[in-house]
PDB file of N, CA and C in Angstrom:
ATOM      1  N   MET A   1       7.859   8.415   7.580  1.00  0.00           N
ATOM      2  CA  MET A   1       6.364   8.596   7.647  1.00  0.00           C
ATOM      3  C   MET A   1       6.101   8.593   5.893  1.00  0.00           C
ATOM      4  N   LEU A   2       4.966   8.085   5.728  1.00  0.00           N
ATOM      5  CA  LEU A   2       4.366   8.159   4.409  1.00  0.00           C
ATOM      6  C   LEU A   2       3.858   9.648   3.986  1.00  0.00           C
ATOM      7  N   THR A   3       3.890   9.989   2.652  1.00  0.00           N
ATOM      8  CA  THR A   3       3.400  11.198   2.378  1.00  0.00           C
ATOM      9  C   THR A   3       1.847  11.452   2.572  1.00  0.00           C
ATOM     10  N   ARG A   4       1.471  12.516   2.476  1.00  0.00           N
ATOM     11  CA  ARG A   4       0.043  12.805   2.575  1.00  0.00           C
ATOM     12  C   ARG A   4      -0.586  12.305   1.236  1.00  0.00           C
ATOM     13  N   ARG A   5       0.149  12.058   0.319  1.00  0.00           N
ATOM     14  CA  ARG A   5      -0.482  11.761  -1.245  1.00  0.00           C
ATOM     15  C   ARG A   5      -0.415  10.008  -0.991  1.00  0.00           C
ATOM     16  N   ALA A   6       0.334   9.427  -0.483  1.00  0.00           N
ATOM     17  CA  ALA A   6       0.308   8.035  -0.293  1.00  0.00           C
ATOM     18  C   ALA A   6      -0.948   7.717   0.731  1.00  0.00           C
ATOM     19  N   ILE A   7      -1.011   8.573   1.739  1.00  0.00           N
ATOM     20  CA  ILE A   7      -2.325   8.149   2.574  1.00  0.00           C
ATOM     21  C   ILE A   7      -3.490   8.427   1.673  1.00  0.00           C
ATOM     22  N   GLU A   8      -3.677   9.408   0.785  1.00  0.00           N
ATOM     23  CA  GLU A   8      -4.788   9.632  -0.081  1.00  0.00           C
ATOM     24  C   GLU A   8      -5.014   8.443  -0.945  1.00  0.00           C
ATOM     25  N   VAL A   9      -3.668   7.728  -1.521  1.00  0.00           N
ATOM     26  CA  VAL A   9      -4.003   6.887  -2.489  1.00  0.00           C
ATOM     27  C   VAL A   9      -4.697   5.723  -1.493  1.00  0.00           C
ATOM     28  N   LEU A  10      -4.250   5.342  -0.392  1.00  0.00           N
ATOM     29  CA  LEU A  10      -4.852   4.320   0.191  1.00  0.00           C
ATOM     30  C   LEU A  10      -6.150   4.336   0.694  1.00  0.00           C
ATOM     31  N   ASN A  11      -6.792   5.667   0.885  1.00  0.00           N
ATOM     32  CA  ASN A  11      -7.916   5.913   1.171  1.00  0.00           C
ATOM     33  C   ASN A  11      -8.597   5.759   0.103  1.00  0.00           C
ATOM     34  N   THR A  12      -8.152   6.127  -1.223  1.00  0.00           N
ATOM     35  CA  THR A  12      -8.928   5.962  -2.739  1.00  0.00           C
ATOM     36  C   THR A  12      -8.975   4.497  -2.936  1.00  0.00           C
ATOM     37  N   MET A  13      -8.208   3.612  -2.521  1.00  0.00           N
ATOM     38  CA  MET A  13      -8.281   2.295  -2.523  1.00  0.00           C
ATOM     39  C   MET A  13      -9.465   1.640  -1.656  1.00  0.00           C
ATOM     40  N   ILE A  14      -9.375   1.974  -0.487  1.00  0.00           N
ATOM     41  CA  ILE A  14     -10.243   1.611   0.268  1.00  0.00           C
ATOM     42  C   ILE A  14     -11.722   2.085  -0.149  1.00  0.00           C
ATOM     43  N   ALA A  15     -11.941   3.341  -0.614  1.00  0.00           N
ATOM     44  CA  ALA A  15     -13.207   3.730  -1.126  1.00  0.00           C
ATOM     45  C   ALA A  15     -13.755   2.990  -2.416  1.00  0.00           C
ATOM     46  N   ALA A  16     -12.757   2.855  -3.305  1.00  0.00           N
ATOM     47  CA  ALA A  16     -13.294   1.996  -4.482  1.00  0.00           C
ATOM     48  C   ALA A  16     -13.548   0.616  -4.122  1.00  0.00           C
ATOM     49  N   GLU A  17     -12.781   0.117  -3.251  1.00  0.00           N
ATOM     50  CA  GLU A  17     -13.341  -1.625  -2.588  1.00  0.00           C
ATOM     51  C   GLU A  17     -14.772  -1.427  -2.319  1.00  0.00           C
ATOM     52  N   LYS A  18     -14.659  -0.332  -1.322  1.00  0.00           N
ATOM     53  CA  LYS A  18     -16.108  -0.284  -0.624  1.00  0.00           C
ATOM     54  C   LYS A  18     -17.318  -0.301  -1.617  1.00  0.00           C
ATOM     55  N   ALA A  19     -16.941   0.489  -2.646  1.00  0.00           N
ATOM     56  CA  ALA A  19     -17.958   0.802  -3.870  1.00  0.00           C
ATOM     57  C   ALA A  19     -18.122  -0.305  -4.680  1.00  0.00           C
ATOM     58  N   GLY A  20     -17.392  -1.446  -4.363  1.00  0.00           N
ATOM     59  CA  GLY A  20     -17.313  -2.622  -5.272  1.00  0.00           C
ATOM     60  C   GLY A  20     -16.578  -2.466  -6.514  1.00  0.00           C
ATOM     61  N   ASP A  21     -15.968  -1.307  -6.747  1.00  0.00           N
ATOM     62  CA  ASP A  21     -15.171  -1.178  -7.987  1.00  0.00           C
ATOM     63  C   ASP A  21     -13.498  -1.757  -7.929  1.00  0.00           C
ATOM     64  N   HIS A  22     -13.367  -3.055  -8.027  1.00  0.00           N
ATOM     65  CA  HIS A  22     -12.451  -3.534  -7.495  1.00  0.00           C
ATOM     66  C   HIS A  22     -11.270  -3.358  -8.576  1.00  0.00           C
ATOM     67  N   ASP A  23     -11.438  -3.050  -9.798  1.00  0.00           N
ATOM     68  CA  ASP A  23     -10.527  -2.677 -10.742  1.00  0.00           C
ATOM     69  C   ASP A  23      -9.733  -1.327 -10.656  1.00  0.00           C
ATOM     70  N   ASP A  24     -10.661  -0.375  -9.783  1.00  0.00           N
ATOM     71  CA  ASP A  24      -9.996   0.934  -9.461  1.00  0.00           C
ATOM     72  C   ASP A  24      -9.551   0.973  -8.134  1.00  0.00           C
ATOM     73  N   ALA A  25      -9.515  -0.328  -7.302  1.00  0.00           N
ATOM     74  CA  ALA A  25      -8.996  -0.543  -5.988  1.00  0.00           C
ATOM     75  C   ALA A  25      -7.608  -1.130  -6.238  1.00  0.00           C
ATOM     76  N   GLU A  26      -7.114  -1.273  -7.460  1.00  0.00           N
ATOM     77  CA  GLU A  26      -5.814  -1.865  -7.460  1.00  0.00           C
ATOM     78  C   GLU A  26      -4.849  -0.881  -8.170  1.00  0.00           C
ATOM     79  N   ILE A  27      -3.582  -0.955  -7.761  1.00  0.00           N
ATOM     80  CA  ILE A  27      -2.427  -0.183  -8.300  1.00  0.00           C
ATOM     81  C   ILE A  27      -2.159  -1.097  -9.388  1.00  0.00           C
ATOM     82  N   VAL A  28      -1.824  -0.633 -10.757  1.00  0.00           N
ATOM     83  CA  VAL A  28      -1.428  -1.623 -11.788  1.00  0.00           C
ATOM     84  C   VAL A  28      -0.174  -0.615 -12.479  1.00  0.00           C
ATOM     85  N   CYS A  29       1.007  -1.671 -12.531  1.00  0.00           N
ATOM     86  CA  CYS A  29       2.114  -0.876 -12.980  1.00  0.00           C
ATOM     87  C   CYS A  29       2.780  -1.511 -14.195  1.00  0.00           C
ATOM     88  N   GLU A  30       3.548  -0.921 -15.261  1.00  0.00           N
ATOM     89  CA  GLU A  30       4.020  -1.609 -16.038  1.00  0.00           C
ATOM     90  C   GLU A  30       5.325  -0.561 -16.153  1.00  0.00           C
ATOM     91  N   GLY A  31       6.363  -1.264 -15.999  1.00  0.00           N
ATOM     92  CA  GLY A  31       7.701  -0.605 -15.517  1.00  0.00           C
ATOM     93  C   GLY A  31       7.562   0.580 -14.561  1.00  0.00           C
ATOM     94  N   ARG A  32       7.934   1.672 -15.209  1.00  0.00           N
ATOM     95  CA  ARG A  32       7.712   2.788 -14.330  1.00  0.00           C
ATOM     96  C   ARG A  32       6.426   3.424 -14.287  1.00  0.00           C
ATOM     97  N   SER A  33       5.552   2.980 -15.340  1.00  0.00           N
ATOM     98  CA  SER A  33       4.201   3.555 -15.096  1.00  0.00           C
ATOM     99  C   SER A  33       3.182   2.993 -14.271  1.00  0.00           C
ATOM    100  N   CYS A  34       2.776   3.739 -13.242  1.00  0.00           N
ATOM    101  CA  CYS A  34       1.788   3.086 -12.435  1.00  0.00           C
ATOM    102  C   CYS A  34       0.436   3.929 -12.414  1.00  0.00           C
ATOM    103  N   TRP A  35      -0.711   3.262 -12.180  1.00  0.00           N
ATOM    104  CA  TRP A  35      -2.202   3.688 -12.224  1.00  0.00           C
ATOM    105  C   TRP A  35      -2.699   3.062 -11.480  1.00  0.00           C
ATOM    106  N   LEU A  36      -3.878   3.976 -10.704  1.00  0.00           N
ATOM    107  CA  LEU A  36      -4.901   3.636  -9.805  1.00  0.00           C
ATOM    108  C   LEU A  36      -6.097   4.144 -10.609  1.00  0.00           C
ATOM    109  N   GLY A  37      -6.793   3.085 -11.036  1.00  0.00           N
ATOM    110  CA  GLY A  37      -7.955   3.527 -11.942  1.00  0.00           C
ATOM    111  C   GLY A  37      -7.360   4.555 -13.044  1.00  0.00           C
ATOM    112  N   ILE A  38      -7.867   5.794 -13.347  1.00  0.00           N
ATOM    113  CA  ILE A  38      -7.379   6.609 -14.256  1.00  0.00           C
ATOM    114  C   ILE A  38      -6.251   7.624 -13.817  1.00  0.00           C
ATOM    115  N   GLU A  39      -6.108   7.429 -12.398  1.00  0.00           N
ATOM    116  CA  GLU A  39      -4.959   8.280 -11.933  1.00  0.00           C
ATOM    117  C   GLU A  39      -3.412   7.988 -11.915  1.00  0.00           C
ATOM    118  N   ARG A  40      -2.786   8.309 -12.458  1.00  0.00           N
ATOM    119  CA  ARG A  40      -1.355   8.263 -12.782  1.00  0.00           C
ATOM    120  C   ARG A  40      -0.723   8.300 -11.297  1.00  0.00           C
ATOM    121  N   LEU A  41       0.187   7.482 -10.876  1.00  0.00           N
ATOM    122  CA  LEU A  41       0.863   7.502  -9.803  1.00  0.00           C
ATOM    123  C   LEU A  41       2.471   7.480  -9.886  1.00  0.00           C
ATOM    124  N   THR A  42       3.369   7.974  -9.161  1.00  0.00           N
ATOM    125  CA  THR A  42       4.634   7.824  -9.405  1.00  0.00           C
ATOM    126  C   THR A  42       5.172   6.262  -9.006  1.00  0.00           C
ATOM    127  N   ARG A  43       6.259   5.968  -9.732  1.00  0.00           N
ATOM    128  CA  ARG A  43       6.899   4.371  -9.082  1.00  0.00           C
ATOM    129  C   ARG A  43       7.337   4.832  -7.818  1.00  0.00           C
ATOM    130  N   LYS A  44       7.801   5.863  -7.328  1.00  0.00           N
ATOM    131  CA  LYS A  44       8.386   6.090  -6.062  1.00  0.00           C
ATOM    132  C   LYS A  44       7.355   6.123  -4.953  1.00  0.00           C
ATOM    133  N   LEU A  45       6.145   6.542  -5.230  1.00  0.00           N
ATOM    134  CA  LEU A  45       5.098   6.452  -4.279  1.00  0.00           C
ATOM    135  C   LEU A  45       4.559   5.170  -4.139  1.00  0.00           C
ATOM    136  N   VAL A  46       4.544   4.149  -5.131  1.00  0.00           N
ATOM    137  CA  VAL A  46       4.237   2.841  -5.216  1.00  0.00           C
ATOM    138  C   VAL A  46       5.184   1.960  -4.475  1.00  0.00           C
ATOM    139  N   ASP A  47       6.624   2.339  -4.659  1.00  0.00           N
ATOM    140  CA  ASP A  47       7.540   1.534  -3.806  1.00  0.00           C
ATOM    141  C   ASP A  47       7.690   2.210  -2.579  1.00  0.00           C
ATOM    142  N   SER A  48       7.106   3.157  -2.158  1.00  0.00           N
ATOM    143  CA  SER A  48       6.926   3.491  -0.773  1.00  0.00           C
ATOM    144  C   SER A  48       5.837   2.900   0.087  1.00  0.00           C
ATOM    145  N   LEU A  49       4.918   2.539  -0.628  1.00  0.00           N
ATOM    146  CA  LEU A  49       3.702   1.910  -0.143  1.00  0.00           C
ATOM    147  C   LEU A  49       4.126   0.445   0.106  1.00  0.00           C
ATOM    148  N   VAL A  50       4.721  -0.015  -0.929  1.00  0.00           N
ATOM    149  CA  VAL A  50       5.433  -1.684  -0.795  1.00  0.00           C
ATOM    150  C   VAL A  50       6.487  -1.617   0.326  1.00  0.00           C
ATOM    151  N   LEU A  51       7.271  -0.832   0.537  1.00  0.00           N
ATOM    152  CA  LEU A  51       8.193  -0.825   1.459  1.00  0.00           C
ATOM    153  C   LEU A  51       7.713  -0.443   2.963  1.00  0.00           C
ATOM    154  N   HIS A  52       6.626   0.119   2.984  1.00  0.00           N
ATOM    155  CA  HIS A  52       5.699   0.101   4.149  1.00  0.00           C
ATOM    156  C   HIS A  52       4.685  -0.786   4.599  1.00  0.00           C
ATOM    157  N   VAL A  53       4.925  -1.890   3.688  1.00  0.00           N
ATOM    158  CA  VAL A  53       4.048  -3.027   3.731  1.00  0.00           C
ATOM    159  C   VAL A  53       2.479  -2.710   3.874  1.00  0.00           C
ATOM    160  N   ALA A  54       2.099  -1.715   3.071  1.00  0.00           N
ATOM    161  CA  ALA A  54       0.845  -1.445   3.039  1.00  0.00           C
ATOM    162  C   ALA A  54      -0.113  -1.766   1.750  1.00  0.00           C
ATOM    163  N   VAL A  55       0.545  -2.176   0.814  1.00  0.00           N
ATOM    164  CA  VAL A  55      -0.028  -3.113  -0.313  1.00  0.00           C
ATOM    165  C   VAL A  55       0.570  -4.589  -0.566  1.00  0.00           C
ATOM    166  N   SER A  56      -0.046  -5.230  -0.898  1.00  0.00           N
ATOM    167  CA  SER A  56       0.288  -6.700  -1.545  1.00  0.00           C
ATOM    168  C   SER A  56       0.361  -6.781  -2.879  1.00  0.00           C
ATOM    169  N   GLU A  57       1.604  -7.446  -3.517  1.00  0.00           N
ATOM    170  CA  GLU A  57       1.337  -7.845  -4.928  1.00  0.00           C
ATOM    171  C   GLU A  57       0.552  -8.831  -5.140  1.00  0.00           C
ATOM    172  N   VAL A  58      -0.246  -8.951  -6.252  1.00  0.00           N
ATOM    173  CA  VAL A  58      -1.276 -10.008  -6.746  1.00  0.00           C
ATOM    174  C   VAL A  58      -0.976 -10.348  -8.061  1.00  0.00           C
ATOM    175  N   SER A  59       0.150  -9.910  -8.593  1.00  0.00           N
ATOM    176  CA  SER A  59       0.580 -10.280  -9.884  1.00  0.00           C
ATOM    177  C   SER A  59       0.547 -11.640 -10.283  1.00  0.00           C
ATOM    178  N   GLU A  60      -0.259 -11.895 -11.605  1.00  0.00           N
ATOM    179  CA  GLU A  60       0.130 -13.423 -12.107  1.00  0.00           C
ATOM    180  C   GLU A  60       1.236 -13.433 -12.986  1.00  0.00           C
ATOM    181  N   PRO A  61       1.890 -14.502 -13.231  1.00  0.00           N
ATOM    182  CA  PRO A  61       3.131 -14.528 -13.883  1.00  0.00           C
ATOM    183  C   PRO A  61       2.711 -14.053 -15.390  1.00  0.00           C
ATOM    184  N   GLY A  62       3.663 -13.296 -15.664  1.00  0.00           N
ATOM    185  CA  GLY A  62       3.761 -12.846 -17.426  1.00  0.00           C
ATOM    186  C   GLY A  62       2.816 -11.529 -17.472  1.00  0.00           C
ATOM    187  N   SER A  63       2.127 -11.012 -16.178  1.00  0.00           N
ATOM    188  CA  SER A  63       1.273 -10.008 -16.581  1.00  0.00           C
ATOM    189  C   SER A  63       1.871  -8.732 -16.061  1.00  0.00           C
ATOM    190  N   LEU A  64       1.169  -7.721 -16.012  1.00  0.00           N
ATOM    191  CA  LEU A  64       1.414  -6.494 -15.358  1.00  0.00           C
ATOM    192  C   LEU A  64       1.524  -6.389 -13.861  1.00  0.00           C
ATOM    193  N   GLU A  65       2.267  -5.768 -13.367  1.00  0.00           N
ATOM    194  CA  GLU A  65       2.247  -5.739 -11.986  1.00  0.00           C
ATOM    195  C   GLU A  65       1.228  -5.053 -11.204  1.00  0.00           C
ATOM    196  N   ARG A  66       0.371  -5.991 -10.225  1.00  0.00           N
ATOM    197  CA  ARG A  66      -0.827  -5.354  -9.329  1.00  0.00           C
ATOM    198  C   ARG A  66      -0.741  -5.387  -8.020  1.00  0.00           C
ATOM    199  N   TYR A  67      -1.201  -4.491  -7.191  1.00  0.00           N
ATOM    200  CA  TYR A  67      -1.216  -4.426  -6.094  1.00  0.00           C
ATOM    201  C   TYR A  67      -2.468  -4.051  -5.389  1.00  0.00           C
ATOM    202  N   VAL A  68      -2.665  -4.718  -4.306  1.00  0.00           N
ATOM    203  CA  VAL A  68      -4.130  -4.131  -3.341  1.00  0.00           C
ATOM    204  C   VAL A  68      -3.775  -3.828  -2.075  1.00  0.00           C
ATOM    205  N   ILE A  69      -4.582  -3.212  -1.520  1.00  0.00           N
ATOM    206  CA  ILE A  69      -4.445  -2.698  -0.091  1.00  0.00           C
ATOM    207  C   ILE A  69      -4.511  -3.836   0.765  1.00  0.00           C
ATOM    208  N   ASN A  70      -3.686  -3.876   1.750  1.00  0.00           N
ATOM    209  CA  ASN A  70      -3.740  -4.996   2.692  1.00  0.00           C
ATOM    210  C   ASN A  70      -4.097  -4.460   4.322  1.00  0.00           C
ATOM    211  N   GLY A  71      -4.292  -5.282   5.102  1.00  0.00           N
ATOM    212  CA  GLY A  71      -4.500  -5.109   6.532  1.00  0.00           C
ATOM    213  C   GLY A  71      -3.653  -3.868   7.120  1.00  0.00           C
ATOM    214  N   THR A  72      -2.589  -4.063   6.664  1.00  0.00           N
ATOM    215  CA  THR A  72      -1.601  -2.656   7.405  1.00  0.00           C
ATOM    216  C   THR A  72      -1.771  -1.721   6.732  1.00  0.00           C
ATOM    217  N   GLY A  73      -2.097  -1.722   5.300  1.00  0.00           N
ATOM    218  CA  GLY A  73      -2.377  -0.286   4.672  1.00  0.00           C
ATOM    219  C   GLY A  73      -3.802   0.062   5.145  1.00  0.00           C
ATOM    220  N   ARG A  74      -4.706  -0.805   5.654  1.00  0.00           N
ATOM    221  CA  ARG A  74      -5.894  -0.100   6.140  1.00  0.00           C
ATOM    222  C   ARG A  74      -5.692   0.641   7.445  1.00  0.00           C
ATOM    223  N   ARG A  75      -4.659  -0.118   8.318  1.00  0.00           N
ATOM    224  CA  ARG A  75      -4.428   0.536   9.595  1.00  0.00           C
ATOM    225  C   ARG A  75      -3.496   1.873   9.550  1.00  0.00           C
ATOM    226  N   ILE A  76      -2.836   1.888   8.396  1.00  0.00           N
ATOM    227  CA  ILE A  76      -2.200   3.226   8.199  1.00  0.00           C
ATOM    228  C   ILE A  76      -3.084   4.324   7.864  1.00  0.00           C
ATOM    229  N   ALA A  77      -3.969   4.039   6.856  1.00  0.00           N
ATOM    230  CA  ALA A  77      -4.867   4.867   6.542  1.00  0.00           C
ATOM    231  C   ALA A  77      -5.699   5.550   7.736  1.00  0.00           C
ATOM    232  N   ASP A  78      -5.978   4.552   8.724  1.00  0.00           N
ATOM    233  CA  ASP A  78      -6.631   5.213   9.757  1.00  0.00           C
ATOM    234  C   ASP A  78      -5.982   5.807  10.722  1.00  0.00           C
ATOM    235  N   ASN A  79      -4.423   5.450  10.873  1.00  0.00           N
ATOM    236  CA  ASN A  79      -3.856   6.141  11.731  1.00  0.00           C
ATOM    237  C   ASN A  79      -2.273   6.096  11.049  1.00  0.00           C
ATOM    238  N   PRO A  80      -2.058   7.225  10.415  1.00  0.00           N
ATOM    239  CA  PRO A  80      -0.536   7.261   9.576  1.00  0.00           C
ATOM    240  C   PRO A  80       0.588   7.302  10.104  1.00  0.00           C
ATOM    241  N   GLU A  81       0.465   7.687  11.693  1.00  0.00           N
ATOM    242  CA  GLU A  81       1.752   7.712  12.628  1.00  0.00           C
ATOM    243  C   GLU A  81       2.215   6.098  12.474  1.00  0.00           C
ATOM    244  N   ILE A  82       1.407   5.033  12.476  1.00  0.00           N
ATOM    245  CA  ILE A  82       1.973   3.832  12.740  1.00  0.00           C
ATOM    246  C   ILE A  82       3.164   3.560  11.576  1.00  0.00           C
ATOM    247  N   ALA A  83       3.063   4.430  10.332  1.00  0.00           N
ATOM    248  CA  ALA A  83       4.058   3.909   9.351  1.00  0.00           C
ATOM    249  C   ALA A  83       5.421   3.913   9.831  1.00  0.00           C
ATOM    250  N   ASP A  84       5.896   4.905  10.622  1.00  0.00           N
ATOM    251  CA  ASP A  84       7.178   5.006  11.320  1.00  0.00           C
ATOM    252  C   ASP A  84       7.505   3.697  12.267  1.00  0.00           C
ATOM    253  N   ALA A  85       6.466   3.137  13.062  1.00  0.00           N
ATOM    254  CA  ALA A  85       6.574   2.105  13.680  1.00  0.00           C
ATOM    255  C   ALA A  85       7.033   0.931  12.685  1.00  0.00           C
ATOM    256  N   ILE A  86       6.207   0.752  11.785  1.00  0.00           N
ATOM    257  CA  ILE A  86       6.234  -0.387  10.910  1.00  0.00           C
ATOM    258  C   ILE A  86       7.696  -0.386  10.291  1.00  0.00           C
ATOM    259  N   LEU A  87       8.130   0.766   9.654  1.00  0.00           N
ATOM    260  CA  LEU A  87       9.644   0.948   9.240  1.00  0.00           C
ATOM    261  C   LEU A  87      10.532   0.101  10.189  1.00  0.00           C
ATOM    262  N   LYS A  88      10.514   0.749  11.468  1.00  0.00           N
ATOM    263  CA  LYS A  88      11.165   0.683  12.523  1.00  0.00           C
ATOM    264  C   LYS A  88      11.480  -1.117  12.804  1.00  0.00           C
ATOM    265  N   ALA A  89      10.249  -1.648  12.781  1.00  0.00           N
ATOM    266  CA  ALA A  89      10.366  -2.852  13.154  1.00  0.00           C
ATOM    267  C   ALA A  89      10.719  -3.692  12.032  1.00  0.00           C
ATOM    268  N   LEU A  90      10.617  -3.432  10.725  1.00  0.00           N
ATOM    269  CA  LEU A  90      11.163  -3.928   9.675  1.00  0.00           C
ATOM    270  C   LEU A  90      12.673  -3.742   9.646  1.00  0.00           C
ATOM    271  N   ALA A  91      13.166  -2.816   9.994  1.00  0.00           N
ATOM    272  CA  ALA A  91      14.658  -2.288  10.053  1.00  0.00           C
ATOM    273  C   ALA A  91      15.207  -3.341  11.133  1.00  0.00           C
ATOM    274  N   GLY A  92      14.472  -3.708  12.038  1.00  0.00           N
ATOM    275  CA  GLY A  92      15.187  -4.360  13.423  1.00  0.00           C
ATOM    276  C   GLY A  92      14.861  -5.759  13.133  1.00  0.00           C
ATOM    277  N   GLY A  93      14.243  -6.289  12.031  1.00  0.00           N
ATOM    278  CA  GLY A  93      14.071  -7.591  11.915  1.00  0.00           C
ATOM    279  C   GLY A  93      13.061  -8.276  12.654  1.00  0.00           C
ATOM    280  N   GLN A  94      12.232  -7.350  13.369  1.00  0.00           N
ATOM    281  CA  GLN A  94      11.092  -7.826  14.287  1.00  0.00           C
ATOM    282  C   GLN A  94       9.702  -8.333  13.598  1.00  0.00           C
ATOM    283  N   ALA A  95       9.225  -9.200  13.964  1.00  0.00           N
ATOM    284  CA  ALA A  95       7.838  -9.746  13.439  1.00  0.00           C
ATOM    285  C   ALA A  95       6.846  -8.497  14.325  1.00  0.00           C
ATOM    286  N   PHE A  96       5.961  -8.161  13.685  1.00  0.00           N
ATOM    287  CA  PHE A  96       4.923  -7.093  13.832  1.00  0.00           C
ATOM    288  C   PHE A  96       3.856  -7.480  13.501  1.00  0.00           C
ATOM    289  N   ASP A  97       2.602  -6.796  14.351  1.00  0.00           N
ATOM    290  CA  ASP A  97       1.278  -6.761  13.485  1.00  0.00           C
ATOM    291  C   ASP A  97       1.008  -5.892  12.718  1.00  0.00           C
ATOM    292  N   GLU A  98      -0.307  -5.780  12.375  1.00  0.00           N
ATOM    293  CA  GLU A  98      -0.848  -4.871  11.223  1.00  0.00           C
ATOM    294  C   GLU A  98      -0.872  -3.324  11.812  1.00  0.00           C
ATOM    295  N   ALA A  99      -0.466  -3.192  13.159  1.00  0.00           N
ATOM    296  CA  ALA A  99      -0.331  -1.871  13.715  1.00  0.00           C
ATOM    297  C   ALA A  99       0.927  -1.579  13.820  1.00  0.00           C
ATOM    298  N   GLY A 100       2.000  -2.491  13.593  1.00  0.00           N
ATOM    299  CA  GLY A 100       3.441  -2.107  13.740  1.00  0.00           C
ATOM    300  C   GLY A 100       4.102  -2.591  15.137  1.00  0.00           C
ATOM    301  N   ASN A 101       3.033  -3.352  15.816  1.00  0.00           N
ATOM    302  CA  ASN A 101       3.522  -3.372  17.197  1.00  0.00           C
ATOM    303  C   ASN A 101       4.280  -4.748  17.100  1.00  0.00           C
ATOM    304  N   PRO A 102       5.158  -4.920  18.006  1.00  0.00           N
ATOM    305  CA  PRO A 102       6.069  -5.960  17.876  1.00  0.00           C
ATOM    306  C   PRO A 102       5.431  -7.382  18.503  1.00  0.00           C
ATOM    307  N   LEU A 103       5.667  -8.519  17.687  1.00  0.00           N
ATOM    308  CA  LEU A 103       5.005  -9.872  18.074  1.00  0.00           C
ATOM    309  C   LEU A 103       6.123 -10.450  19.146  1.00  0.00           C
ATOM    310  N   GLY A 104       5.469 -11.251  20.092  1.00  0.00           N
ATOM    311  CA  GLY A 104       6.463 -11.940  20.954  1.00  0.00           C
ATOM    312  C   GLY A 104       7.381 -11.402  21.828  1.00  0.00           C
TER     313      GLY A 104
END
């Protein structure tokens, strides 16, 4: 299960995106230092979001790491309980939809 803090970060990303503030809707990392706007995030939190397939990397070669929320992250923000289903599908090597439901 994702932490409450991770869910807050996803909701912050959604709100910034809706407000048209796309720079503050991205997580930016340089090494172990990560930021969402002016808010510092732990690398562990960012890694957890990546592990849960809630964010996608959009970095350019040679630049800082950048992550944006994706469809799975939006679904997790709406229903945090699906985070466990997503991890289970990943561990089992299954294909799944944005809600963690197995495909096929």
